[in-house]
PDB file of N, CA and C in Angstrom:
ATOM      1  N   MET A   1      17.526 -27.932  20.024  1.00  0.00           N
ATOM      2  CA  MET A   1      17.062 -27.871  18.642  1.00  0.00           C
ATOM      3  C   MET A   1      17.022 -26.424  18.167  1.00  0.00           C
ATOM      4  N   SER A   2      17.466 -26.208  16.975  1.00  0.00           N
ATOM      5  CA  SER A   2      17.544 -24.874  16.404  1.00  0.00           C
ATOM      6  C   SER A   2      16.155 -24.368  16.003  1.00  0.00           C
ATOM      7  N   ALA A   3      15.979 -23.072  16.135  1.00  0.00           N
ATOM      8  CA  ALA A   3      14.727 -22.440  15.722  1.00  0.00           C
ATOM      9  C   ALA A   3      14.743 -22.084  14.240  1.00  0.00           C
ATOM     10  N   ALA A   4      15.868 -22.311  13.585  1.00  0.00           N
ATOM     11  CA  ALA A   4      16.009 -21.927  12.182  1.00  0.00           C
ATOM     12  C   ALA A   4      14.931 -22.515  11.271  1.00  0.00           C
ATOM     13  N   PRO A   5      14.583 -23.802  11.402  1.00  0.00           N
ATOM     14  CA  PRO A   5      13.536 -24.323  10.507  1.00  0.00           C
ATOM     15  C   PRO A   5      12.189 -23.620  10.695  1.00  0.00           C
ATOM     16  N   ASP A   6      11.813 -23.332  11.951  1.00  0.00           N
ATOM     17  CA  ASP A   6      10.551 -22.627  12.191  1.00  0.00           C
ATOM     18  C   ASP A   6      10.603 -21.200  11.651  1.00  0.00           C
ATOM     19  N   LEU A   7      11.723 -20.538  11.868  1.00  0.00           N
ATOM     20  CA  LEU A   7      11.894 -19.184  11.366  1.00  0.00           C
ATOM     21  C   LEU A   7      11.880 -19.179   9.840  1.00  0.00           C
ATOM     22  N   TYR A   8      12.551 -20.151   9.259  1.00  0.00           N
ATOM     23  CA  TYR A   8      12.565 -20.293   7.799  1.00  0.00           C
ATOM     24  C   TYR A   8      11.141 -20.427   7.266  1.00  0.00           C
ATOM     25  N   LEU A   9      10.362 -21.312   7.853  1.00  0.00           N
ATOM     26  CA  LEU A   9       8.993 -21.536   7.383  1.00  0.00           C
ATOM     27  C   LEU A   9       8.126 -20.297   7.568  1.00  0.00           C
ATOM     28  N   SER A  10       8.320 -19.619   8.671  1.00  0.00           N
ATOM     29  CA  SER A  10       7.562 -18.395   8.919  1.00  0.00           C
ATOM     30  C   SER A  10       7.882 -17.330   7.882  1.00  0.00           C
ATOM     31  N   ARG A  11       9.160 -17.124   7.634  1.00  0.00           N
ATOM     32  CA  ARG A  11       9.562 -16.140   6.630  1.00  0.00           C
ATOM     33  C   ARG A  11       9.126 -16.549   5.237  1.00  0.00           C
ATOM     34  N   ARG A  12       9.306 -17.817   4.919  1.00  0.00           N
ATOM     35  CA  ARG A  12       8.899 -18.302   3.597  1.00  0.00           C
ATOM     36  C   ARG A  12       7.417 -18.035   3.369  1.00  0.00           C
ATOM     37  N   ASP A  13       6.605 -18.330   4.365  1.00  0.00           N
ATOM     38  CA  ASP A  13       5.167 -18.100   4.234  1.00  0.00           C
ATOM     39  C   ASP A  13       4.846 -16.615   4.089  1.00  0.00           C
ATOM     40  N   ALA A  14       5.552 -15.773   4.843  1.00  0.00           N
ATOM     41  CA  ALA A  14       5.317 -14.326   4.741  1.00  0.00           C
ATOM     42  C   ALA A  14       5.677 -13.822   3.350  1.00  0.00           C
ATOM     43  N   TYR A  15       6.801 -14.289   2.818  1.00  0.00           N
ATOM     44  CA  TYR A  15       7.223 -13.848   1.486  1.00  0.00           C
ATOM     45  C   TYR A  15       6.267 -14.361   0.411  1.00  0.00           C
ATOM     46  N   ALA A  16       5.831 -15.595   0.553  1.00  0.00           N
ATOM     47  CA  ALA A  16       4.888 -16.166  -0.424  1.00  0.00           C
ATOM     48  C   ALA A  16       3.542 -15.440  -0.363  1.00  0.00           C
ATOM     49  N   ASP A  17       3.074 -15.137   0.846  1.00  0.00           N
ATOM     50  CA  ASP A  17       1.814 -14.391   0.987  1.00  0.00           C
ATOM     51  C   ASP A  17       1.927 -13.012   0.343  1.00  0.00           C
ATOM     52  N   PHE A  18       3.080 -12.381   0.543  1.00  0.00           N
ATOM     53  CA  PHE A  18       3.298 -11.069  -0.054  1.00  0.00           C
ATOM     54  C   PHE A  18       3.274 -11.163  -1.582  1.00  0.00           C
ATOM     55  N   LEU A  19       3.942 -12.142  -2.134  1.00  0.00           N
ATOM     56  CA  LEU A  19       3.944 -12.309  -3.593  1.00  0.00           C
ATOM     57  C   LEU A  19       2.541 -12.570  -4.135  1.00  0.00           C
ATOM     58  N   SER A  20       1.794 -13.410  -3.447  1.00  0.00           N
ATOM     59  CA  SER A  20       0.420 -13.684  -3.880  1.00  0.00           C
ATOM     60  C   SER A  20      -0.428 -12.416  -3.830  1.00  0.00           C
ATOM     61  N   ALA A  21      -0.251 -11.628  -2.781  1.00  0.00           N
ATOM     62  CA  ALA A  21      -1.013 -10.384  -2.642  1.00  0.00           C
ATOM     63  C   ALA A  21      -0.639  -9.394  -3.744  1.00  0.00           C
ATOM     64  N   THR A  22       0.651  -9.267  -4.028  1.00  0.00           N
ATOM     65  CA  THR A  22       1.053  -8.327  -5.076  1.00  0.00           C
ATOM     66  C   THR A  22       0.614  -8.804  -6.455  1.00  0.00           C
ATOM     67  N   ASP A  23       0.628 -10.098  -6.667  1.00  0.00           N
ATOM     68  CA  ASP A  23       0.141 -10.631  -7.947  1.00  0.00           C
ATOM     69  C   ASP A  23      -1.345 -10.326  -8.121  1.00  0.00           C
ATOM     70  N   GLU A  24      -2.115 -10.518  -7.060  1.00  0.00           N
ATOM     71  CA  GLU A  24      -3.552 -10.244  -7.143  1.00  0.00           C
ATOM     72  C   GLU A  24      -3.809  -8.755  -7.347  1.00  0.00           C
ATOM     73  N   GLU A  25      -3.090  -7.917  -6.609  1.00  0.00           N
ATOM     74  CA  GLU A  25      -3.311  -6.478  -6.759  1.00  0.00           C
ATOM     75  C   GLU A  25      -2.924  -6.003  -8.154  1.00  0.00           C
ATOM     76  N   SER A  26      -1.849  -6.521  -8.700  1.00  0.00           N
ATOM     77  CA  SER A  26      -1.476  -6.109 -10.058  1.00  0.00           C
ATOM     78  C   SER A  26      -2.519  -6.594 -11.071  1.00  0.00           C
ATOM     79  N   SER A  27      -3.124  -7.736 -10.816  1.00  0.00           N
ATOM     80  CA  SER A  27      -4.198  -8.219 -11.700  1.00  0.00           C
ATOM     81  C   SER A  27      -5.413  -7.297 -11.634  1.00  0.00           C
ATOM     82  N   VAL A  28      -5.720  -6.826 -10.445  1.00  0.00           N
ATOM     83  CA  VAL A  28      -6.822  -5.878 -10.286  1.00  0.00           C
ATOM     84  C   VAL A  28      -6.512  -4.596 -11.063  1.00  0.00           C
ATOM     85  N   CYS A  29      -5.271  -4.141 -10.979  1.00  0.00           N
ATOM     86  CA  CYS A  29      -4.870  -2.935 -11.723  1.00  0.00           C
ATOM     87  C   CYS A  29      -5.058  -3.134 -13.225  1.00  0.00           C
ATOM     88  N   TRP A  30      -4.699  -4.321 -13.691  1.00  0.00           N
ATOM     89  CA  TRP A  30      -4.867  -4.619 -15.116  1.00  0.00           C
ATOM     90  C   TRP A  30      -6.348  -4.619 -15.500  1.00  0.00           C
ATOM     91  N   ARG A  31      -7.149  -5.326 -14.710  1.00  0.00           N
ATOM     92  CA  ARG A  31      -8.585  -5.398 -15.030  1.00  0.00           C
ATOM     93  C   ARG A  31      -9.232  -4.015 -14.988  1.00  0.00           C
ATOM     94  N   LYS A  32      -8.820  -3.192 -14.036  1.00  0.00           N
ATOM     95  CA  LYS A  32      -9.361  -1.828 -13.950  1.00  0.00           C
ATOM     96  C   LYS A  32      -8.990  -1.033 -15.202  1.00  0.00           C
ATOM     97  N   ALA A  33      -7.711  -1.054 -15.572  1.00  0.00           N
ATOM     98  CA  ALA A  33      -7.260  -0.308 -16.751  1.00  0.00           C
ATOM     99  C   ALA A  33      -7.889  -0.850 -18.025  1.00  0.00           C
ATOM    100  N   ASP A  34      -8.194  -2.135 -18.045  1.00  0.00           N
ATOM    101  CA  ASP A  34      -8.796  -2.769 -19.221  1.00  0.00           C
ATOM    102  C   ASP A  34     -10.308  -2.564 -19.275  1.00  0.00           C
ATOM    103  N   GLY A  35     -10.874  -1.945 -18.251  1.00  0.00           N
ATOM    104  CA  GLY A  35     -12.307  -1.673 -18.232  1.00  0.00           C
ATOM    105  C   GLY A  35     -13.164  -2.895 -17.952  1.00  0.00           C
ATOM    106  N   GLN A  36     -12.629  -3.857 -17.220  1.00  0.00           N
ATOM    107  CA  GLN A  36     -13.357  -5.094 -16.976  1.00  0.00           C
ATOM    108  C   GLN A  36     -14.331  -5.019 -15.798  1.00  0.00           C
ATOM    109  N   TYR A  37     -14.315  -3.945 -15.050  1.00  0.00           N
ATOM    110  CA  TYR A  37     -15.275  -3.795 -13.948  1.00  0.00           C
ATOM    111  C   TYR A  37     -16.529  -3.099 -14.460  1.00  0.00           C
ATOM    112  N   THR A  38     -17.656  -3.445 -13.870  1.00  0.00           N
ATOM    113  CA  THR A  38     -18.939  -2.939 -14.350  1.00  0.00           C
ATOM    114  C   THR A  38     -19.098  -1.436 -14.171  1.00  0.00           C
ATOM    115  N   ASP A  39     -18.480  -0.885 -13.155  1.00  0.00           N
ATOM    116  CA  ASP A  39     -18.550   0.556 -12.931  1.00  0.00           C
ATOM    117  C   ASP A  39     -17.340   0.997 -12.110  1.00  0.00           C
ATOM    118  N   PRO A  40     -17.109   2.296 -12.053  1.00  0.00           N
ATOM    119  CA  PRO A  40     -15.943   2.785 -11.309  1.00  0.00           C
ATOM    120  C   PRO A  40     -15.964   2.389  -9.829  1.00  0.00           C
ATOM    121  N   GLY A  41     -17.139   2.298  -9.241  1.00  0.00           N
ATOM    122  CA  GLY A  41     -17.241   1.897  -7.836  1.00  0.00           C
ATOM    123  C   GLY A  41     -16.765   0.473  -7.618  1.00  0.00           C
ATOM    124  N   ALA A  42     -17.087  -0.414  -8.532  1.00  0.00           N
ATOM    125  CA  ALA A  42     -16.639  -1.808  -8.426  1.00  0.00           C
ATOM    126  C   ALA A  42     -15.125  -1.890  -8.582  1.00  0.00           C
ATOM    127  N   ALA A  43     -14.579  -1.094  -9.482  1.00  0.00           N
ATOM    128  CA  ALA A  43     -13.122  -1.074  -9.678  1.00  0.00           C
ATOM    129  C   ALA A  43     -12.427  -0.555  -8.431  1.00  0.00           C
ATOM    130  N   THR A  44     -12.950   0.503  -7.861  1.00  0.00           N
ATOM    131  CA  THR A  44     -12.360   1.072  -6.645  1.00  0.00           C
ATOM    132  C   THR A  44     -12.445   0.087  -5.488  1.00  0.00           C
ATOM    133  N   ALA A  45     -13.577  -0.572  -5.350  1.00  0.00           N
ATOM    134  CA  ALA A  45     -13.741  -1.550  -4.267  1.00  0.00           C
ATOM    135  C   ALA A  45     -12.752  -2.705  -4.427  1.00  0.00           C
ATOM    136  N   ALA A  46     -12.597  -3.193  -5.641  1.00  0.00           N
ATOM    137  CA  ALA A  46     -11.653  -4.294  -5.887  1.00  0.00           C
ATOM    138  C   ALA A  46     -10.225  -3.849  -5.608  1.00  0.00           C
ATOM    139  N   GLN A  47      -9.885  -2.642  -6.045  1.00  0.00           N
ATOM    140  CA  GLN A  47      -8.537  -2.126  -5.830  1.00  0.00           C
ATOM    141  C   GLN A  47      -8.273  -1.901  -4.341  1.00  0.00           C
ATOM    142  N   ASP A  48      -9.245  -1.361  -3.621  1.00  0.00           N
ATOM    143  CA  ASP A  48      -9.091  -1.138  -2.179  1.00  0.00           C
ATOM    144  C   ASP A  48      -8.915  -2.453  -1.427  1.00  0.00           C
ATOM    145  N   ALA A  49      -9.697  -3.460  -1.798  1.00  0.00           N
ATOM    146  CA  ALA A  49      -9.600  -4.768  -1.134  1.00  0.00           C
ATOM    147  C   ALA A  49      -8.238  -5.403  -1.392  1.00  0.00           C
ATOM    148  N   ALA A  50      -7.777  -5.340  -2.629  1.00  0.00           N
ATOM    149  CA  ALA A  50      -6.468  -5.914  -2.967  1.00  0.00           C
ATOM    150  C   ALA A  50      -5.352  -5.143  -2.266  1.00  0.00           C
ATOM    151  N   TYR A  51      -5.476  -3.826  -2.206  1.00  0.00           N
ATOM    152  CA  TYR A  51      -4.480  -2.994  -1.531  1.00  0.00           C
ATOM    153  C   TYR A  51      -4.377  -3.380  -0.053  1.00  0.00           C
ATOM    154  N   ALA A  52      -5.507  -3.614   0.592  1.00  0.00           N
ATOM    155  CA  ALA A  52      -5.496  -3.969   2.018  1.00  0.00           C
ATOM    156  C   ALA A  52      -4.748  -5.282   2.258  1.00  0.00           C
ATOM    157  N   VAL A  53      -4.924  -6.245   1.385  1.00  0.00           N
ATOM    158  CA  VAL A  53      -4.229  -7.528   1.522  1.00  0.00           C
ATOM    159  C   VAL A  53      -2.732  -7.339   1.299  1.00  0.00           C
ATOM    160  N   THR A  54      -2.371  -6.558   0.288  1.00  0.00           N
ATOM    161  CA  THR A  54      -0.955  -6.305   0.022  1.00  0.00           C
ATOM    162  C   THR A  54      -0.319  -5.557   1.186  1.00  0.00           C
ATOM    163  N   ARG A  55      -1.007  -4.550   1.690  1.00  0.00           N
ATOM    164  CA  ARG A  55      -0.471  -3.776   2.806  1.00  0.00           C
ATOM    165  C   ARG A  55      -0.248  -4.662   4.026  1.00  0.00           C
ATOM    166  N   ASP A  56      -1.192  -5.537   4.325  1.00  0.00           N
ATOM    167  CA  ASP A  56      -1.047  -6.449   5.450  1.00  0.00           C
ATOM    168  C   ASP A  56       0.151  -7.371   5.249  1.00  0.00           C
ATOM    169  N   ALA A  57       0.281  -7.932   4.061  1.00  0.00           N
ATOM    170  CA  ALA A  57       1.402  -8.838   3.776  1.00  0.00           C
ATOM    171  C   ALA A  57       2.736  -8.091   3.835  1.00  0.00           C
ATOM    172  N   TYR A  58       2.752  -6.864   3.339  1.00  0.00           N
ATOM    173  CA  TYR A  58       3.975  -6.058   3.397  1.00  0.00           C
ATOM    174  C   TYR A  58       4.349  -5.762   4.853  1.00  0.00           C
ATOM    175  N   ASN A  59       3.369  -5.411   5.660  1.00  0.00           N
ATOM    176  CA  ASN A  59       3.634  -5.099   7.065  1.00  0.00           C
ATOM    177  C   ASN A  59       4.228  -6.284   7.811  1.00  0.00           C
ATOM    178  N   ARG A  60       3.852  -7.486   7.453  1.00  0.00           N
ATOM    179  CA  ARG A  60       4.413  -8.683   8.097  1.00  0.00           C
ATOM    180  C   ARG A  60       5.904  -8.829   7.785  1.00  0.00           C
ATOM    181  N   ILE A  61       6.310  -8.361   6.626  1.00  0.00           N
ATOM    182  CA  ILE A  61       7.728  -8.380   6.261  1.00  0.00           C
ATOM    183  C   ILE A  61       8.452  -7.223   6.942  1.00  0.00           C
ATOM    184  N   LEU A  62       7.806  -6.080   6.984  1.00  0.00           N
ATOM    185  CA  LEU A  62       8.422  -4.861   7.484  1.00  0.00           C
ATOM    186  C   LEU A  62       8.743  -4.911   8.975  1.00  0.00           C
ATOM    187  N   VAL A  63       7.933  -5.603   9.764  1.00  0.00           N
ATOM    188  CA  VAL A  63       8.127  -5.563  11.218  1.00  0.00           C
ATOM    189  C   VAL A  63       9.362  -6.319  11.682  1.00  0.00           C
ATOM    190  N   GLU A  64       9.879  -7.192  10.865  1.00  0.00           N
ATOM    191  CA  GLU A  64      11.087  -7.916  11.241  1.00  0.00           C
ATOM    192  C   GLU A  64      12.300  -7.121  10.747  1.00  0.00           C
ATOM    193  N   PRO A  65      13.332  -6.995  11.562  1.00  0.00           N
ATOM    194  CA  PRO A  65      14.456  -6.134  11.193  1.00  0.00           C
ATOM    195  C   PRO A  65      15.414  -6.729  10.156  1.00  0.00           C
ATOM    196  N   VAL A  66      15.079  -7.854   9.569  1.00  0.00           N
ATOM    197  CA  VAL A  66      15.912  -8.457   8.536  1.00  0.00           C
ATOM    198  C   VAL A  66      15.044  -8.779   7.329  1.00  0.00           C
ATOM    199  N   GLY A  67      15.697  -9.036   6.221  1.00  0.00           N
ATOM    200  CA  GLY A  67      14.942  -9.475   5.049  1.00  0.00           C
ATOM    201  C   GLY A  67      14.818  -8.420   3.969  1.00  0.00           C
ATOM    202  N   PRO A  68      14.039  -8.734   2.959  1.00  0.00           N
ATOM    203  CA  PRO A  68      13.951  -7.904   1.754  1.00  0.00           C
ATOM    204  C   PRO A  68      12.952  -6.752   1.867  1.00  0.00           C
ATOM    205  N   HIS A  69      13.143  -5.875   2.859  1.00  0.00           N
ATOM    206  CA  HIS A  69      12.218  -4.746   3.045  1.00  0.00           C
ATOM    207  C   HIS A  69      12.227  -3.786   1.857  1.00  0.00           C
ATOM    208  N   LYS A  70      13.426  -3.378   1.462  1.00  0.00           N
ATOM    209  CA  LYS A  70      13.542  -2.402   0.374  1.00  0.00           C
ATOM    210  C   LYS A  70      12.996  -2.964  -0.925  1.00  0.00           C
ATOM    211  N   GLU A  71      13.263  -4.219  -1.164  1.00  0.00           N
ATOM    212  CA  GLU A  71      12.791  -4.860  -2.389  1.00  0.00           C
ATOM    213  C   GLU A  71      11.265  -4.989  -2.380  1.00  0.00           C
ATOM    214  N   ALA A  72      10.708  -5.272  -1.216  1.00  0.00           N
ATOM    215  CA  ALA A  72       9.245  -5.357  -1.097  1.00  0.00           C
ATOM    216  C   ALA A  72       8.617  -3.994  -1.346  1.00  0.00           C
ATOM    217  N   LEU A  73       9.210  -2.962  -0.765  1.00  0.00           N
ATOM    218  CA  LEU A  73       8.691  -1.610  -0.967  1.00  0.00           C
ATOM    219  C   LEU A  73       8.766  -1.205  -2.432  1.00  0.00           C
ATOM    220  N   ALA A  74       9.850  -1.542  -3.108  1.00  0.00           N
ATOM    221  CA  ALA A  74       9.977  -1.221  -4.532  1.00  0.00           C
ATOM    222  C   ALA A  74       8.876  -1.901  -5.346  1.00  0.00           C
ATOM    223  N   LEU A  75       8.544  -3.130  -4.991  1.00  0.00           N
ATOM    224  CA  LEU A  75       7.470  -3.845  -5.690  1.00  0.00           C
ATOM    225  C   LEU A  75       6.123  -3.178  -5.421  1.00  0.00           C
ATOM    226  N   VAL A  76       5.876  -2.802  -4.186  1.00  0.00           N
ATOM    227  CA  VAL A  76       4.631  -2.100  -3.843  1.00  0.00           C
ATOM    228  C   VAL A  76       4.535  -0.787  -4.625  1.00  0.00           C
ATOM    229  N   GLU A  77       5.629  -0.063  -4.705  1.00  0.00           N
ATOM    230  CA  GLU A  77       5.619   1.205  -5.445  1.00  0.00           C
ATOM    231  C   GLU A  77       5.308   0.983  -6.921  1.00  0.00           C
ATOM    232  N   GLN A  78       5.819  -0.084  -7.495  1.00  0.00           N
ATOM    233  CA  GLN A  78       5.514  -0.388  -8.901  1.00  0.00           C
ATOM    234  C   GLN A  78       4.023  -0.679  -9.084  1.00  0.00           C
ATOM    235  N   ILE A  79       3.440  -1.361  -8.127  1.00  0.00           N
ATOM    236  CA  ILE A  79       2.001  -1.659  -8.220  1.00  0.00           C
ATOM    237  C   ILE A  79       1.189  -0.374  -8.105  1.00  0.00           C
ATOM    238  N   ARG A  80       1.601   0.531  -7.230  1.00  0.00           N
ATOM    239  CA  ARG A  80       0.889   1.799  -7.094  1.00  0.00           C
ATOM    240  C   ARG A  80       0.921   2.567  -8.418  1.00  0.00           C
ATOM    241  N   LEU A  81       2.071   2.562  -9.082  1.00  0.00           N
ATOM    242  CA  LEU A  81       2.166   3.222 -10.388  1.00  0.00           C
ATOM    243  C   LEU A  81       1.255   2.540 -11.407  1.00  0.00           C
ATOM    244  N   LEU A  82       1.217   1.237 -11.364  1.00  0.00           N
ATOM    245  CA  LEU A  82       0.366   0.466 -12.267  1.00  0.00           C
ATOM    246  C   LEU A  82      -1.104   0.843 -12.065  1.00  0.00           C
ATOM    247  N   GLY A  83      -1.496   0.989 -10.814  1.00  0.00           N
ATOM    248  CA  GLY A  83      -2.884   1.300 -10.494  1.00  0.00           C
ATOM    249  C   GLY A  83      -3.331   2.672 -10.928  1.00  0.00           C
ATOM    250  N   ARG A  84      -2.387   3.576 -11.136  1.00  0.00           N
ATOM    251  CA  ARG A  84      -2.717   4.934 -11.564  1.00  0.00           C
ATOM    252  C   ARG A  84      -2.574   5.129 -13.074  1.00  0.00           C
ATOM    253  N   ALA A  85      -2.057   4.133 -13.753  1.00  0.00           N
ATOM    254  CA  ALA A  85      -1.767   4.275 -15.187  1.00  0.00           C
ATOM    255  C   ALA A  85      -2.910   3.738 -16.043  1.00  0.00           C
ATOM    256  N   SER A  86      -2.976   4.274 -17.248  1.00  0.00           N
ATOM    257  CA  SER A  86      -3.924   3.738 -18.224  1.00  0.00           C
ATOM    258  C   SER A  86      -3.376   2.407 -18.740  1.00  0.00           C
ATOM    259  N   LYS A  87      -4.212   1.691 -19.448  1.00  0.00           N
ATOM    260  CA  LYS A  87      -3.808   0.388 -19.980  1.00  0.00           C
ATOM    261  C   LYS A  87      -2.541   0.496 -20.833  1.00  0.00           C
ATOM    262  N   ASP A  88      -2.465   1.515 -21.660  1.00  0.00           N
ATOM    263  CA  ASP A  88      -1.309   1.683 -22.545  1.00  0.00           C
ATOM    264  C   ASP A  88      -0.064   2.163 -21.808  1.00  0.00           C
ATOM    265  N   ASP A  89      -0.250   2.769 -20.652  1.00  0.00           N
ATOM    266  CA  ASP A  89       0.885   3.327 -19.911  1.00  0.00           C
ATOM    267  C   ASP A  89       1.371   2.429 -18.777  1.00  0.00           C
ATOM    268  N   GLN A  90       0.722   1.310 -18.550  1.00  0.00           N
ATOM    269  CA  GLN A  90       1.163   0.413 -17.476  1.00  0.00           C
ATOM    270  C   GLN A  90       2.526  -0.177 -17.825  1.00  0.00           C
ATOM    271  N   ASP A  91       3.430  -0.117 -16.857  1.00  0.00           N
ATOM    272  CA  ASP A  91       4.805  -0.580 -17.064  1.00  0.00           C
ATOM    273  C   ASP A  91       4.982  -1.961 -16.430  1.00  0.00           C
ATOM    274  N   TRP A  92       4.635  -2.985 -17.181  1.00  0.00           N
ATOM    275  CA  TRP A  92       4.722  -4.356 -16.676  1.00  0.00           C
ATOM    276  C   TRP A  92       6.163  -4.854 -16.623  1.00  0.00           C
ATOM    277  N   VAL A  93       7.025  -4.313 -17.436  1.00  0.00           N
ATOM    278  CA  VAL A  93       8.434  -4.719 -17.419  1.00  0.00           C
ATOM    279  C   VAL A  93       9.057  -4.333 -16.073  1.00  0.00           C
ATOM    280  N   SER A  94       8.818  -3.109 -15.634  1.00  0.00           N
ATOM    281  CA  SER A  94       9.366  -2.665 -14.349  1.00  0.00           C
ATOM    282  C   SER A  94       8.750  -3.437 -13.191  1.00  0.00           C
ATOM    283  N   LEU A  95       7.464  -3.734 -13.293  1.00  0.00           N
ATOM    284  CA  LEU A  95       6.817  -4.508 -12.235  1.00  0.00           C
ATOM    285  C   LEU A  95       7.433  -5.903 -12.146  1.00  0.00           C
ATOM    286  N   LYS A  96       7.595  -6.554 -13.279  1.00  0.00           N
ATOM    287  CA  LYS A  96       8.171  -7.903 -13.276  1.00  0.00           C
ATOM    288  C   LYS A  96       9.606  -7.890 -12.776  1.00  0.00           C
ATOM    289  N   LYS A  97      10.358  -6.858 -13.118  1.00  0.00           N
ATOM    290  CA  LYS A  97      11.739  -6.742 -12.642  1.00  0.00           C
ATOM    291  C   LYS A  97      11.758  -6.558 -11.119  1.00  0.00           C
ATOM    292  N   ALA A  98      10.900  -5.700 -10.607  1.00  0.00           N
ATOM    293  CA  ALA A  98      10.825  -5.490  -9.152  1.00  0.00           C
ATOM    294  C   ALA A  98      10.422  -6.779  -8.447  1.00  0.00           C
ATOM    295  N   ARG A  99       9.544  -7.550  -9.054  1.00  0.00           N
ATOM    296  CA  ARG A  99       9.133  -8.829  -8.469  1.00  0.00           C
ATOM    297  C   ARG A  99      10.316  -9.794  -8.433  1.00  0.00           C
ATOM    298  N   GLU A 100      11.063  -9.855  -9.531  1.00  0.00           N
ATOM    299  CA  GLU A 100      12.240 -10.735  -9.586  1.00  0.00           C
ATOM    300  C   GLU A 100      13.279 -10.346  -8.537  1.00  0.00           C
ATOM    301  N   VAL A 101      13.504  -9.063  -8.378  1.00  0.00           N
ATOM    302  CA  VAL A 101      14.472  -8.579  -7.387  1.00  0.00           C
ATOM    303  C   VAL A 101      14.015  -8.979  -5.983  1.00  0.00           C
ATOM    304  N   PHE A 102      12.711  -8.834  -5.707  1.00  0.00           N
ATOM    305  CA  PHE A 102      12.199  -9.248  -4.401  1.00  0.00           C
ATOM    306  C   PHE A 102      12.402 -10.747  -4.190  1.00  0.00           C
ATOM    307  N   VAL A 103      12.057 -11.546  -5.177  1.00  0.00           N
ATOM    308  CA  VAL A 103      12.194 -13.000  -5.054  1.00  0.00           C
ATOM    309  C   VAL A 103      13.653 -13.382  -4.792  1.00  0.00           C
ATOM    310  N   ASP A 104      14.564 -12.781  -5.520  1.00  0.00           N
ATOM    311  CA  ASP A 104      15.988 -13.075  -5.312  1.00  0.00           C
ATOM    312  C   ASP A 104      16.425 -12.698  -3.894  1.00  0.00           C
ATOM    313  N   ALA A 105      16.004 -11.532  -3.419  1.00  0.00           N
ATOM    314  CA  ALA A 105      16.369 -11.103  -2.071  1.00  0.00           C
ATOM    315  C   ALA A 105      15.732 -12.008  -1.014  1.00  0.00           C
ATOM    316  N   ALA A 106      14.515 -12.436  -1.248  1.00  0.00           N
ATOM    317  CA  ALA A 106      13.850 -13.342  -0.311  1.00  0.00           C
ATOM    318  C   ALA A 106      14.579 -14.681  -0.249  1.00  0.00           C
ATOM    319  N   ARG A 107      15.006 -15.173  -1.396  1.00  0.00           N
ATOM    320  CA  ARG A 107      15.755 -16.437  -1.433  1.00  0.00           C
ATOM    321  C   ARG A 107      17.049 -16.341  -0.631  1.00  0.00           C
ATOM    322  N   VAL A 108      17.746 -15.225  -0.770  1.00  0.00           N
ATOM    323  CA  VAL A 108      18.988 -15.020  -0.020  1.00  0.00           C
ATOM    324  C   VAL A 108      18.693 -15.010   1.479  1.00  0.00           C
ATOM    325  N   CYS A 109      17.665 -14.303   1.872  1.00  0.00           N
ATOM    326  CA  CYS A 109      17.308 -14.244   3.286  1.00  0.00           C
ATOM    327  C   CYS A 109      16.934 -15.614   3.822  1.00  0.00           C
ATOM    328  N   LEU A 110      16.182 -16.367   3.052  1.00  0.00           N
ATOM    329  CA  LEU A 110      15.792 -17.715   3.493  1.00  0.00           C
ATOM    330  C   LEU A 110      17.002 -18.622   3.598  1.00  0.00           C
ATOM    331  N   LYS A 111      17.910 -18.523   2.660  1.00  0.00           N
ATOM    332  CA  LYS A 111      19.120 -19.321   2.698  1.00  0.00           C
ATOM    333  C   LYS A 111      19.940 -18.985   3.949  1.00  0.00           C
ATOM    334  N   GLU A 112      20.089 -17.703   4.228  1.00  0.00           N
ATOM    335  CA  GLU A 112      20.817 -17.273   5.410  1.00  0.00           C
ATOM    336  C   GLU A 112      20.133 -17.722   6.690  1.00  0.00           C
ATOM    337  N   THR A 113      18.817 -17.787   6.671  1.00  0.00           N
ATOM    338  CA  THR A 113      18.071 -18.243   7.845  1.00  0.00           C
ATOM    339  C   THR A 113      18.426 -19.686   8.171  1.00  0.00           C
ATOM    340  N   LEU A 114      18.503 -20.516   7.153  1.00  0.00           N
ATOM    341  CA  LEU A 114      18.844 -21.922   7.389  1.00  0.00           C
ATOM    342  C   LEU A 114      20.305 -22.111   7.771  1.00  0.00           C
ATOM    343  N   GLU A 115      21.166 -21.267   7.237  1.00  0.00           N
ATOM    344  CA  GLU A 115      22.593 -21.388   7.518  1.00  0.00           C
ATOM    345  C   GLU A 115      22.975 -20.779   8.864  1.00  0.00           C
ATOM    346  N   GLY A 116      22.189 -19.792   9.301  1.00  0.00           N
ATOM    347  CA  GLY A 116      22.551 -19.044  10.495  1.00  0.00           C
ATOM    348  C   GLY A 116      22.160 -19.703  11.738  1.00  0.00           C
TER     349      GLY A 116
END
């Protein structure tokens, strides 16, 4: 029996976890820039917690020598820029584009996993 289905599911879950983590972290960046946290300490704590989840999810992708590493890193870099920008300067178009590029690359990798 081929290991491809198990590998596919493992990768799919890693990519989905990464997307969920980046979505949450970008939401934290938005709420911080929008002034929705009660104080700067609460904003920093929320951002640090979201960053830790994203970093963990990214590392799960990075340790395997195949897959959308570069695309994941580009998405992480866009989130870092978002987190440092004011509400008016946040570049959501670039973030969404980086997310789309990651999703497309992940789909290709998953397809190749099943075919290989």
